[in-house]
Amino acid sequence: MAVPVTSISLLKVLGKDAQSPRWTEFAKKYASTIDGFLLAYFPDVNSEEVVNDTLIVLTKKLPFYEYDPDTKGHFRNFLLGIVKCKAREQRKRNGRSVKQREIEAKAQLEWEYEKQSYRADLRDWRKEAYEAALAQFMANPNLSSRDKEIFRRTALDGEAPADVAEIFGITRNNVDQIKARMLAKLKELALQYANICNP
């Protein structure tokens, strides 16, 4: 890994102007150093994102940075220290994000399963309540055979009310009234069964 020669004048310019066009020069100058470091120690991170985060930190730190390799170390070490920090932050952030997504996905699956189970249970007990109510309803001796037959044909078998009216020699309006009355009684009975099946 080639070590770029530190340009003190460049660092001073950048330290005085966070919007300086020479940041492009700086990025090109240290690109191979940063990329090589990340490839060697943090191959799983997004290098472009780390570089951007590093440059943001540098705009804040360079105004106070003093180049003194003898006592404070080389600029390369200062730079890679920031890169390492940002790479670790990204790795931690991504790891937490993946874990959070796994937790949310698991919770969503469990919720979908519960909803499907609930809907299945709801369908089951409603079906059971309806079938029990219908059986009792059709066996009720207090209901006239004619009304039950009209109800069966129109409500259960889907025959046209006008055709049923003609068969029984009554008006279409009479058929509709009988069907409505029988449906109301069946609904009331079904609700009673529903309360038993799903207390």
N, C-alpha and C. Protein backbone atom coordinates (compact mmCIF):
# COMPACT_ATOMS: atom_id res chain seq x y z
N MET A 1 0.85 -1.19 0.00
CA MET A 1 0.00 0.00 0.00
C MET A 1 0.89 1.25 0.00
N ALA A 2 0.77 2.05 -1.06
CA ALA A 2 1.59 3.26 -1.17
C ALA A 2 1.11 4.30 -0.18
N VAL A 3 2.06 4.90 0.51
CA VAL A 3 1.72 5.92 1.50
C VAL A 3 1.88 7.29 0.86
N PRO A 4 0.80 8.06 0.70
CA PRO A 4 0.91 9.37 0.07
C PRO A 4 1.70 10.34 0.94
N VAL A 5 2.40 11.22 0.27
CA VAL A 5 3.17 12.24 0.98
C VAL A 5 2.20 13.29 1.53
N THR A 6 2.33 13.57 2.78
CA THR A 6 1.42 14.53 3.40
C THR A 6 1.73 15.95 2.92
N SER A 7 0.70 16.63 2.48
CA SER A 7 0.83 18.00 2.04
C SER A 7 0.28 18.91 3.14
N ILE A 8 1.19 19.56 3.86
CA ILE A 8 0.77 20.42 4.96
C ILE A 8 -0.06 21.58 4.44
N SER A 9 0.32 22.11 3.29
CA SER A 9 -0.43 23.24 2.74
C SER A 9 -1.85 22.84 2.38
N LEU A 10 -2.00 21.60 1.85
CA LEU A 10 -3.34 21.12 1.50
C LEU A 10 -4.19 20.98 2.77
N LEU A 11 -3.61 20.44 3.83
CA LEU A 11 -4.35 20.28 5.08
C LEU A 11 -4.77 21.62 5.64
N LYS A 12 -3.92 22.62 5.52
CA LYS A 12 -4.25 23.95 6.03
C LYS A 12 -5.39 24.58 5.24
N VAL A 13 -5.35 24.39 3.91
CA VAL A 13 -6.41 24.95 3.06
C VAL A 13 -7.75 24.30 3.42
N LEU A 14 -7.73 22.99 3.58
CA LEU A 14 -8.97 22.28 3.90
C LEU A 14 -9.45 22.60 5.30
N GLY A 15 -8.51 22.84 6.19
CA GLY A 15 -8.88 23.19 7.55
C GLY A 15 -9.55 24.54 7.64
N LYS A 16 -9.25 25.40 6.70
CA LYS A 16 -9.83 26.75 6.71
C LYS A 16 -11.13 26.84 5.90
N ASP A 17 -11.32 25.88 4.99
CA ASP A 17 -12.49 25.97 4.11
C ASP A 17 -13.10 24.58 3.90
N ALA A 18 -14.21 24.33 4.58
CA ALA A 18 -14.86 23.02 4.47
C ALA A 18 -15.49 22.82 3.09
N GLN A 19 -15.63 23.93 2.32
CA GLN A 19 -16.24 23.84 0.99
C GLN A 19 -15.20 23.93 -0.12
N SER A 20 -13.94 23.84 0.23
CA SER A 20 -12.87 24.00 -0.75
C SER A 20 -12.95 22.93 -1.84
N PRO A 21 -12.74 23.34 -3.09
CA PRO A 21 -12.74 22.37 -4.20
C PRO A 21 -11.57 21.39 -4.10
N ARG A 22 -10.60 21.70 -3.23
CA ARG A 22 -9.43 20.82 -3.12
C ARG A 22 -9.74 19.56 -2.31
N TRP A 23 -10.98 19.44 -1.78
CA TRP A 23 -11.36 18.19 -1.13
C TRP A 23 -11.34 17.03 -2.13
N THR A 24 -11.63 17.34 -3.40
CA THR A 24 -11.55 16.33 -4.45
C THR A 24 -10.13 15.83 -4.60
N GLU A 25 -9.20 16.76 -4.54
CA GLU A 25 -7.78 16.40 -4.61
C GLU A 25 -7.39 15.53 -3.42
N PHE A 26 -7.88 15.88 -2.26
CA PHE A 26 -7.58 15.12 -1.05
C PHE A 26 -8.15 13.69 -1.15
N ALA A 27 -9.40 13.58 -1.63
CA ALA A 27 -10.05 12.28 -1.75
C ALA A 27 -9.28 11.37 -2.70
N LYS A 28 -8.82 11.93 -3.83
CA LYS A 28 -8.04 11.14 -4.78
C LYS A 28 -6.68 10.75 -4.21
N LYS A 29 -6.11 11.63 -3.45
CA LYS A 29 -4.78 11.42 -2.89
C LYS A 29 -4.77 10.25 -1.90
N TYR A 30 -5.83 10.16 -1.09
CA TYR A 30 -5.87 9.14 -0.03
C TYR A 30 -6.83 7.99 -0.33
N ALA A 31 -7.40 7.97 -1.53
CA ALA A 31 -8.37 6.93 -1.88
C ALA A 31 -7.78 5.53 -1.75
N SER A 32 -6.61 5.31 -2.34
CA SER A 32 -6.01 3.97 -2.30
C SER A 32 -5.64 3.56 -0.88
N THR A 33 -5.23 4.53 -0.07
CA THR A 33 -4.86 4.23 1.32
C THR A 33 -6.10 3.78 2.11
N ILE A 34 -7.17 4.52 1.96
CA ILE A 34 -8.41 4.19 2.68
C ILE A 34 -9.00 2.87 2.17
N ASP A 35 -9.07 2.73 0.84
CA ASP A 35 -9.65 1.51 0.26
C ASP A 35 -8.85 0.28 0.65
N GLY A 36 -7.52 0.40 0.65
CA GLY A 36 -6.67 -0.74 1.01
C GLY A 36 -6.87 -1.12 2.47
N PHE A 37 -6.99 -0.11 3.33
CA PHE A 37 -7.21 -0.37 4.76
C PHE A 37 -8.55 -1.06 4.99
N LEU A 38 -9.59 -0.56 4.34
CA LEU A 38 -10.92 -1.15 4.51
C LEU A 38 -10.98 -2.57 3.95
N LEU A 39 -10.33 -2.79 2.82
CA LEU A 39 -10.33 -4.11 2.22
C LEU A 39 -9.63 -5.12 3.13
N ALA A 40 -8.58 -4.66 3.81
CA ALA A 40 -7.81 -5.55 4.67
C ALA A 40 -8.50 -5.82 6.00
N TYR A 41 -9.14 -4.82 6.57
CA TYR A 41 -9.68 -4.96 7.93
C TYR A 41 -11.22 -4.90 8.02
N PHE A 42 -11.85 -4.28 7.03
CA PHE A 42 -13.32 -4.15 7.07
C PHE A 42 -13.90 -4.43 5.68
N PRO A 43 -13.71 -5.65 5.17
CA PRO A 43 -14.19 -5.94 3.81
C PRO A 43 -15.70 -5.98 3.67
N ASP A 44 -16.40 -6.04 4.80
CA ASP A 44 -17.86 -6.18 4.77
C ASP A 44 -18.60 -4.84 4.76
N VAL A 45 -17.88 -3.72 4.89
CA VAL A 45 -18.56 -2.43 4.98
C VAL A 45 -18.67 -1.79 3.60
N ASN A 46 -19.50 -0.77 3.51
CA ASN A 46 -19.66 0.01 2.29
C ASN A 46 -18.57 1.09 2.30
N SER A 47 -17.53 0.88 1.51
CA SER A 47 -16.37 1.78 1.56
C SER A 47 -16.72 3.21 1.17
N GLU A 48 -17.62 3.36 0.19
CA GLU A 48 -18.00 4.72 -0.25
C GLU A 48 -18.66 5.48 0.90
N GLU A 49 -19.51 4.78 1.65
CA GLU A 49 -20.18 5.41 2.78
C GLU A 49 -19.18 5.78 3.87
N VAL A 50 -18.23 4.89 4.12
CA VAL A 50 -17.21 5.16 5.14
C VAL A 50 -16.37 6.37 4.74
N VAL A 51 -16.00 6.44 3.47
CA VAL A 51 -15.20 7.58 2.99
C VAL A 51 -15.97 8.88 3.18
N ASN A 52 -17.24 8.88 2.82
CA ASN A 52 -18.06 10.09 2.98
C ASN A 52 -18.16 10.50 4.45
N ASP A 53 -18.37 9.52 5.32
CA ASP A 53 -18.45 9.81 6.75
C ASP A 53 -17.12 10.35 7.27
N THR A 54 -16.04 9.80 6.76
CA THR A 54 -14.70 10.24 7.17
C THR A 54 -14.45 11.68 6.75
N LEU A 55 -14.83 12.03 5.54
CA LEU A 55 -14.64 13.40 5.05
C LEU A 55 -15.45 14.40 5.86
N ILE A 56 -16.63 13.99 6.28
CA ILE A 56 -17.46 14.87 7.10
C ILE A 56 -16.77 15.15 8.43
N VAL A 57 -16.20 14.09 9.03
CA VAL A 57 -15.49 14.26 10.30
C VAL A 57 -14.27 15.15 10.11
N LEU A 58 -13.56 14.96 9.00
CA LEU A 58 -12.36 15.76 8.75
C LEU A 58 -12.68 17.25 8.62
N THR A 59 -13.82 17.59 8.03
CA THR A 59 -14.17 19.01 7.89
C THR A 59 -14.32 19.67 9.26
N LYS A 60 -14.64 18.84 10.28
CA LYS A 60 -14.81 19.37 11.63
C LYS A 60 -13.51 19.35 12.42
N LYS A 61 -12.62 18.39 12.10
CA LYS A 61 -11.40 18.22 12.90
C LYS A 61 -10.18 18.94 12.33
N LEU A 62 -10.14 19.08 11.00
CA LEU A 62 -8.95 19.69 10.40
C LEU A 62 -8.68 21.13 10.84
N PRO A 63 -9.71 21.93 11.13
CA PRO A 63 -9.41 23.29 11.59
C PRO A 63 -8.58 23.30 12.88
N PHE A 64 -8.61 22.21 13.64
CA PHE A 64 -7.87 22.15 14.91
C PHE A 64 -6.68 21.19 14.85
N TYR A 65 -6.47 20.62 13.65
CA TYR A 65 -5.39 19.63 13.52
C TYR A 65 -4.04 20.32 13.35
N GLU A 66 -3.04 19.82 14.07
CA GLU A 66 -1.67 20.33 13.94
C GLU A 66 -0.78 19.17 13.49
N TYR A 67 -0.15 19.37 12.36
CA TYR A 67 0.70 18.31 11.83
C TYR A 67 2.04 18.30 12.56
N ASP A 68 2.25 17.25 13.37
CA ASP A 68 3.48 17.11 14.14
C ASP A 68 3.82 15.63 14.24
N PRO A 69 4.42 15.06 13.18
CA PRO A 69 4.66 13.62 13.12
C PRO A 69 5.57 13.11 14.24
N ASP A 70 6.42 13.94 14.76
CA ASP A 70 7.35 13.48 15.80
C ASP A 70 6.66 13.24 17.14
N THR A 71 5.71 14.05 17.47
CA THR A 71 5.06 13.91 18.78
C THR A 71 3.62 13.37 18.68
N LYS A 72 2.94 13.66 17.58
CA LYS A 72 1.54 13.25 17.46
C LYS A 72 1.31 12.15 16.42
N GLY A 73 2.36 11.76 15.74
CA GLY A 73 2.23 10.72 14.72
C GLY A 73 1.90 11.28 13.36
N HIS A 74 1.98 10.43 12.35
CA HIS A 74 1.75 10.87 10.98
C HIS A 74 0.27 11.10 10.71
N PHE A 75 0.00 11.93 9.72
CA PHE A 75 -1.39 12.23 9.36
C PHE A 75 -2.12 10.96 8.91
N ARG A 76 -1.37 10.07 8.26
CA ARG A 76 -1.99 8.83 7.80
C ARG A 76 -2.61 8.08 8.98
N ASN A 77 -1.94 8.04 10.11
CA ASN A 77 -2.48 7.35 11.29
C ASN A 77 -3.73 8.07 11.82
N PHE A 78 -3.68 9.39 11.78
CA PHE A 78 -4.83 10.19 12.21
C PHE A 78 -6.03 9.91 11.31
N LEU A 79 -5.77 9.88 10.00
CA LEU A 79 -6.82 9.64 9.01
C LEU A 79 -7.43 8.25 9.17
N LEU A 80 -6.55 7.23 9.26
CA LEU A 80 -7.05 5.86 9.35
C LEU A 80 -7.73 5.59 10.69
N GLY A 81 -7.38 6.37 11.69
CA GLY A 81 -8.09 6.25 12.97
C GLY A 81 -9.55 6.63 12.82
N ILE A 82 -9.79 7.67 12.03
CA ILE A 82 -11.17 8.10 11.77
C ILE A 82 -11.88 7.06 10.90
N VAL A 83 -11.15 6.57 9.88
CA VAL A 83 -11.73 5.56 9.00
C VAL A 83 -12.14 4.32 9.80
N LYS A 84 -11.26 3.89 10.69
CA LYS A 84 -11.55 2.71 11.52
C LYS A 84 -12.79 2.95 12.38
N CYS A 85 -12.90 4.11 12.96
CA CYS A 85 -14.05 4.45 13.80
C CYS A 85 -15.34 4.42 13.00
N LYS A 86 -15.31 5.01 11.81
CA LYS A 86 -16.50 5.06 10.97
C LYS A 86 -16.87 3.68 10.43
N ALA A 87 -15.86 2.87 10.13
CA ALA A 87 -16.14 1.51 9.65
C ALA A 87 -16.79 0.68 10.75
N ARG A 88 -16.30 0.83 11.98
CA ARG A 88 -16.89 0.10 13.11
C ARG A 88 -18.32 0.55 13.37
N GLU A 89 -18.54 1.85 13.25
CA GLU A 89 -19.90 2.37 13.45
C GLU A 89 -20.86 1.81 12.40
N GLN A 90 -20.38 1.76 11.16
CA GLN A 90 -21.24 1.23 10.10
C GLN A 90 -21.51 -0.24 10.31
N ARG A 91 -20.46 -1.00 10.68
CA ARG A 91 -20.63 -2.43 10.91
C ARG A 91 -21.63 -2.66 12.05
N LYS A 92 -21.50 -1.90 13.11
CA LYS A 92 -22.41 -2.03 14.23
C LYS A 92 -23.82 -1.66 13.83
N ARG A 93 -23.93 -0.56 13.05
CA ARG A 93 -25.24 -0.09 12.60
C ARG A 93 -25.90 -1.12 11.69
N ASN A 94 -25.14 -1.68 10.78
CA ASN A 94 -25.68 -2.68 9.86
C ASN A 94 -26.05 -3.96 10.58
N GLY A 95 -25.23 -4.36 11.53
CA GLY A 95 -25.52 -5.56 12.30
C GLY A 95 -26.80 -5.41 13.07
N ARG A 96 -26.98 -4.26 13.70
CA ARG A 96 -28.20 -4.00 14.45
C ARG A 96 -29.40 -3.93 13.51
N SER A 97 -29.17 -3.39 12.31
CA SER A 97 -30.25 -3.27 11.35
C SER A 97 -30.71 -4.65 10.88
N VAL A 98 -29.74 -5.52 10.59
CA VAL A 98 -30.08 -6.87 10.15
C VAL A 98 -30.83 -7.60 11.24
N LYS A 99 -30.33 -7.49 12.47
CA LYS A 99 -30.98 -8.16 13.60
C LYS A 99 -32.39 -7.63 13.79
N GLN A 100 -32.53 -6.32 13.68
CA GLN A 100 -33.85 -5.72 13.85
C GLN A 100 -34.80 -6.19 12.76
N ARG A 101 -34.30 -6.30 11.53
CA ARG A 101 -35.14 -6.77 10.43
C ARG A 101 -35.57 -8.21 10.66
N GLU A 102 -34.65 -9.03 11.20
CA GLU A 102 -34.98 -10.42 11.48
C GLU A 102 -36.08 -10.51 12.54
N ILE A 103 -35.96 -9.66 13.58
CA ILE A 103 -36.96 -9.65 14.65
C ILE A 103 -38.31 -9.21 14.09
N GLU A 104 -38.30 -8.15 13.28
CA GLU A 104 -39.54 -7.64 12.72
C GLU A 104 -40.17 -8.65 11.76
N ALA A 105 -39.32 -9.33 10.97
CA ALA A 105 -39.84 -10.33 10.03
C ALA A 105 -40.48 -11.49 10.78
N LYS A 106 -39.81 -11.92 11.87
CA LYS A 106 -40.35 -13.02 12.67
C LYS A 106 -41.68 -12.62 13.30
N ALA A 107 -41.72 -11.39 13.83
CA ALA A 107 -42.95 -10.91 14.46
C ALA A 107 -44.08 -10.82 13.44
N GLN A 108 -43.75 -10.38 12.22
CA GLN A 108 -44.75 -10.26 11.18
C GLN A 108 -45.30 -11.63 10.78
N LEU A 109 -44.39 -12.62 10.67
CA LEU A 109 -44.82 -13.98 10.34
C LEU A 109 -45.74 -14.54 11.41
N GLU A 110 -45.36 -14.31 12.67
CA GLU A 110 -46.18 -14.80 13.78
C GLU A 110 -47.56 -14.14 13.76
N TRP A 111 -47.56 -12.84 13.47
CA TRP A 111 -48.83 -12.11 13.43
C TRP A 111 -49.70 -12.61 12.29
N GLU A 112 -49.09 -12.85 11.12
CA GLU A 112 -49.85 -13.37 9.98
C GLU A 112 -50.42 -14.74 10.30
N TYR A 113 -49.60 -15.56 10.97
CA TYR A 113 -50.06 -16.90 11.34
C TYR A 113 -51.25 -16.81 12.31
N GLU A 114 -51.12 -15.91 13.29
CA GLU A 114 -52.20 -15.74 14.26
C GLU A 114 -53.48 -15.26 13.58
N LYS A 115 -53.34 -14.33 12.64
CA LYS A 115 -54.51 -13.82 11.93
C LYS A 115 -55.18 -14.92 11.11
N GLN A 116 -54.34 -15.73 10.43
CA GLN A 116 -54.89 -16.81 9.63
C GLN A 116 -55.58 -17.84 10.51
N SER A 117 -54.93 -18.15 11.65
CA SER A 117 -55.52 -19.11 12.58
C SER A 117 -56.84 -18.58 13.12
N TYR A 118 -56.84 -17.28 13.46
CA TYR A 118 -58.06 -16.68 13.99
C TYR A 118 -59.17 -16.71 12.94
N ARG A 119 -58.81 -16.37 11.70
CA ARG A 119 -59.81 -16.38 10.64
C ARG A 119 -60.34 -17.79 10.41
N ALA A 120 -59.44 -18.78 10.46
CA ALA A 120 -59.86 -20.16 10.28
C ALA A 120 -60.80 -20.58 11.40
N ASP A 121 -60.43 -20.21 12.63
CA ASP A 121 -61.29 -20.53 13.77
C ASP A 121 -62.65 -19.85 13.63
N LEU A 122 -62.60 -18.59 13.18
CA LEU A 122 -63.85 -17.82 13.02
C LEU A 122 -64.74 -18.48 11.99
N ARG A 123 -64.12 -18.88 10.88
CA ARG A 123 -64.90 -19.56 9.84
C ARG A 123 -65.49 -20.86 10.38
N ASP A 124 -64.67 -21.60 11.13
CA ASP A 124 -65.11 -22.91 11.62
C ASP A 124 -66.32 -22.79 12.54
N TRP A 125 -66.20 -21.89 13.56
CA TRP A 125 -67.32 -21.83 14.50
C TRP A 125 -68.55 -21.19 13.90
N ARG A 126 -68.36 -20.27 12.96
CA ARG A 126 -69.53 -19.69 12.29
C ARG A 126 -70.22 -20.74 11.42
N LYS A 127 -69.40 -21.54 10.75
CA LYS A 127 -69.97 -22.59 9.90
C LYS A 127 -70.72 -23.61 10.75
N GLU A 128 -70.09 -24.00 11.87
CA GLU A 128 -70.74 -24.96 12.76
C GLU A 128 -72.06 -24.40 13.31
N ALA A 129 -72.03 -23.13 13.71
CA ALA A 129 -73.23 -22.50 14.27
C ALA A 129 -74.33 -22.43 13.21
N TYR A 130 -73.93 -22.05 11.99
CA TYR A 130 -74.93 -21.93 10.92
C TYR A 130 -75.54 -23.28 10.58
N GLU A 131 -74.67 -24.31 10.44
CA GLU A 131 -75.17 -25.63 10.07
C GLU A 131 -76.10 -26.21 11.14
N ALA A 132 -75.74 -26.02 12.41
CA ALA A 132 -76.59 -26.51 13.50
C ALA A 132 -77.92 -25.77 13.53
N ALA A 133 -77.85 -24.45 13.34
CA ALA A 133 -79.08 -23.65 13.35
C ALA A 133 -79.98 -24.01 12.18
N LEU A 134 -79.38 -24.22 11.00
CA LEU A 134 -80.17 -24.55 9.82
C LEU A 134 -80.86 -25.90 9.98
N ALA A 135 -80.13 -26.87 10.54
CA ALA A 135 -80.70 -28.20 10.73
C ALA A 135 -81.92 -28.12 11.66
N GLN A 136 -81.76 -27.40 12.77
CA GLN A 136 -82.87 -27.27 13.72
C GLN A 136 -84.00 -26.48 13.10
N PHE A 137 -83.65 -25.45 12.35
CA PHE A 137 -84.65 -24.58 11.73
C PHE A 137 -85.53 -25.36 10.76
N MET A 138 -84.88 -26.16 9.90
CA MET A 138 -85.65 -26.91 8.90
C MET A 138 -86.45 -28.06 9.51
N ALA A 139 -86.04 -28.48 10.72
CA ALA A 139 -86.77 -29.57 11.39
C ALA A 139 -87.86 -29.06 12.32
N ASN A 140 -87.98 -27.76 12.43
CA ASN A 140 -88.96 -27.16 13.35
C ASN A 140 -90.39 -27.45 12.87
N PRO A 141 -91.15 -28.21 13.65
CA PRO A 141 -92.52 -28.56 13.22
C PRO A 141 -93.48 -27.38 13.28
N ASN A 142 -93.09 -26.31 13.97
CA ASN A 142 -93.97 -25.15 14.09
C ASN A 142 -93.95 -24.28 12.83
N LEU A 143 -92.99 -24.54 11.95
CA LEU A 143 -92.93 -23.79 10.70
C LEU A 143 -93.65 -24.59 9.62
N SER A 144 -94.40 -23.88 8.80
CA SER A 144 -95.18 -24.59 7.77
C SER A 144 -94.25 -25.20 6.73
N SER A 145 -94.67 -26.35 6.24
CA SER A 145 -93.88 -27.05 5.21
C SER A 145 -93.74 -26.19 3.96
N ARG A 146 -94.82 -25.48 3.63
CA ARG A 146 -94.76 -24.62 2.43
C ARG A 146 -93.71 -23.53 2.57
N ASP A 147 -93.70 -22.85 3.75
CA ASP A 147 -92.74 -21.76 3.97
C ASP A 147 -91.31 -22.28 3.95
N LYS A 148 -91.11 -23.45 4.55
CA LYS A 148 -89.75 -24.03 4.57
C LYS A 148 -89.30 -24.40 3.17
N GLU A 149 -90.23 -24.89 2.35
CA GLU A 149 -89.89 -25.26 0.98
C GLU A 149 -89.58 -24.02 0.14
N ILE A 150 -90.37 -22.97 0.35
CA ILE A 150 -90.09 -21.70 -0.36
C ILE A 150 -88.72 -21.16 0.05
N PHE A 151 -88.45 -21.23 1.33
CA PHE A 151 -87.16 -20.76 1.84
C PHE A 151 -86.02 -21.58 1.24
N ARG A 152 -86.19 -22.90 1.21
CA ARG A 152 -85.14 -23.77 0.68
C ARG A 152 -84.86 -23.45 -0.77
N ARG A 153 -85.91 -23.29 -1.53
CA ARG A 153 -85.74 -23.05 -2.96
C ARG A 153 -85.08 -21.69 -3.24
N THR A 154 -85.54 -20.66 -2.54
CA THR A 154 -85.03 -19.31 -2.84
C THR A 154 -83.70 -19.00 -2.14
N ALA A 155 -83.61 -19.33 -0.84
CA ALA A 155 -82.43 -18.95 -0.07
C ALA A 155 -81.29 -19.95 -0.18
N LEU A 156 -81.63 -21.24 -0.27
CA LEU A 156 -80.58 -22.27 -0.27
C LEU A 156 -80.23 -22.76 -1.67
N ASP A 157 -81.24 -22.93 -2.50
CA ASP A 157 -80.99 -23.46 -3.84
C ASP A 157 -80.84 -22.37 -4.89
N GLY A 158 -81.19 -21.13 -4.53
CA GLY A 158 -80.98 -20.01 -5.44
C GLY A 158 -81.95 -19.93 -6.59
N GLU A 159 -83.13 -20.51 -6.43
CA GLU A 159 -84.13 -20.41 -7.50
C GLU A 159 -84.71 -19.00 -7.54
N ALA A 160 -85.13 -18.60 -8.71
CA ALA A 160 -85.69 -17.26 -8.88
C ALA A 160 -87.01 -17.13 -8.13
N PRO A 161 -87.19 -16.06 -7.35
CA PRO A 161 -88.44 -15.87 -6.59
C PRO A 161 -89.68 -15.89 -7.48
N ALA A 162 -89.58 -15.36 -8.68
CA ALA A 162 -90.74 -15.34 -9.59
C ALA A 162 -91.14 -16.76 -9.98
N ASP A 163 -90.14 -17.62 -10.22
CA ASP A 163 -90.43 -19.01 -10.58
C ASP A 163 -91.07 -19.75 -9.41
N VAL A 164 -90.55 -19.50 -8.20
CA VAL A 164 -91.09 -20.15 -7.01
C VAL A 164 -92.52 -19.68 -6.76
N ALA A 165 -92.77 -18.40 -6.99
CA ALA A 165 -94.13 -17.85 -6.81
C ALA A 165 -95.11 -18.53 -7.75
N GLU A 166 -94.69 -18.77 -8.97
CA GLU A 166 -95.55 -19.43 -9.95
C GLU A 166 -95.84 -20.88 -9.54
N ILE A 167 -94.79 -21.57 -9.00
CA ILE A 167 -94.96 -22.97 -8.59
C ILE A 167 -96.00 -23.08 -7.48
N PHE A 168 -95.95 -22.15 -6.51
CA PHE A 168 -96.84 -22.23 -5.34
C PHE A 168 -98.13 -21.43 -5.53
N GLY A 169 -98.25 -20.78 -6.66
CA GLY A 169 -99.48 -20.06 -6.95
C GLY A 169 -99.68 -18.84 -6.08
N ILE A 170 -98.59 -18.16 -5.73
CA ILE A 170 -98.68 -16.94 -4.92
C ILE A 170 -97.91 -15.83 -5.65
N THR A 171 -98.00 -14.62 -5.10
CA THR A 171 -97.32 -13.49 -5.76
C THR A 171 -95.83 -13.48 -5.42
N ARG A 172 -95.09 -12.79 -6.24
CA ARG A 172 -93.65 -12.62 -6.01
C ARG A 172 -93.42 -11.93 -4.66
N ASN A 173 -94.25 -10.97 -4.33
CA ASN A 173 -94.14 -10.25 -3.07
C ASN A 173 -94.32 -11.20 -1.88
N ASN A 174 -95.24 -12.15 -1.99
CA ASN A 174 -95.44 -13.13 -0.92
C ASN A 174 -94.18 -13.97 -0.72
N VAL A 175 -93.58 -14.37 -1.82
CA VAL A 175 -92.34 -15.17 -1.74
C VAL A 175 -91.24 -14.38 -1.04
N ASP A 176 -91.09 -13.11 -1.41
CA ASP A 176 -90.06 -12.27 -0.79
C ASP A 176 -90.30 -12.11 0.70
N GLN A 177 -91.55 -11.94 1.08
CA GLN A 177 -91.88 -11.77 2.49
C GLN A 177 -91.60 -13.04 3.29
N ILE A 178 -91.96 -14.18 2.73
CA ILE A 178 -91.70 -15.46 3.40
C ILE A 178 -90.20 -15.69 3.56
N LYS A 179 -89.47 -15.43 2.50
CA LYS A 179 -88.01 -15.61 2.54
C LYS A 179 -87.38 -14.71 3.60
N ALA A 180 -87.80 -13.44 3.64
CA ALA A 180 -87.26 -12.48 4.60
C ALA A 180 -87.59 -12.89 6.03
N ARG A 181 -88.82 -13.33 6.24
CA ARG A 181 -89.25 -13.74 7.57
C ARG A 181 -88.47 -14.98 8.04
N MET A 182 -88.29 -15.93 7.16
CA MET A 182 -87.57 -17.15 7.50
C MET A 182 -86.08 -16.87 7.75
N LEU A 183 -85.52 -15.98 6.95
CA LEU A 183 -84.11 -15.62 7.14
C LEU A 183 -83.89 -14.95 8.50
N ALA A 184 -84.82 -14.12 8.90
CA ALA A 184 -84.71 -13.44 10.19
C ALA A 184 -84.73 -14.46 11.33
N LYS A 185 -85.62 -15.45 11.22
CA LYS A 185 -85.70 -16.48 12.25
C LYS A 185 -84.43 -17.33 12.28
N LEU A 186 -83.92 -17.67 11.09
CA LEU A 186 -82.69 -18.46 11.02
C LEU A 186 -81.51 -17.69 11.59
N LYS A 187 -81.43 -16.40 11.29
CA LYS A 187 -80.34 -15.58 11.80
C LYS A 187 -80.38 -15.53 13.32
N GLU A 188 -81.55 -15.37 13.88
CA GLU A 188 -81.68 -15.32 15.34
C GLU A 188 -81.22 -16.64 15.96
N LEU A 189 -81.60 -17.75 15.35
CA LEU A 189 -81.21 -19.06 15.86
C LEU A 189 -79.71 -19.27 15.70
N ALA A 190 -79.15 -18.83 14.56
CA ALA A 190 -77.72 -18.98 14.31
C ALA A 190 -76.90 -18.19 15.33
N LEU A 191 -77.38 -17.01 15.69
CA LEU A 191 -76.67 -16.21 16.69
C LEU A 191 -76.66 -16.90 18.06
N GLN A 192 -77.73 -17.58 18.37
CA GLN A 192 -77.77 -18.33 19.62
C GLN A 192 -76.74 -19.45 19.61
N TYR A 193 -76.63 -20.13 18.49
CA TYR A 193 -75.62 -21.19 18.36
C TYR A 193 -74.20 -20.60 18.36
N ALA A 194 -74.05 -19.44 17.77
CA ALA A 194 -72.74 -18.80 17.72
C ALA A 194 -72.24 -18.50 19.12
N ASN A 195 -73.13 -18.07 19.99
CA ASN A 195 -72.77 -17.78 21.37
C ASN A 195 -72.37 -19.03 22.13
N ILE A 196 -72.97 -20.15 21.75
CA ILE A 196 -72.61 -21.42 22.37
C ILE A 196 -71.26 -21.91 21.88
N CYS A 197 -71.04 -21.79 20.57
CA CYS A 197 -69.78 -22.28 19.97
C CYS A 197 -68.60 -21.39 20.30
N ASN A 198 -68.86 -20.09 20.51
CA ASN A 198 -67.76 -19.13 20.75
C ASN A 198 -68.13 -18.24 21.94
N PRO A 199 -68.17 -18.79 23.15
CA PRO A 199 -68.60 -18.00 24.32
C PRO A 199 -67.61 -16.91 24.63
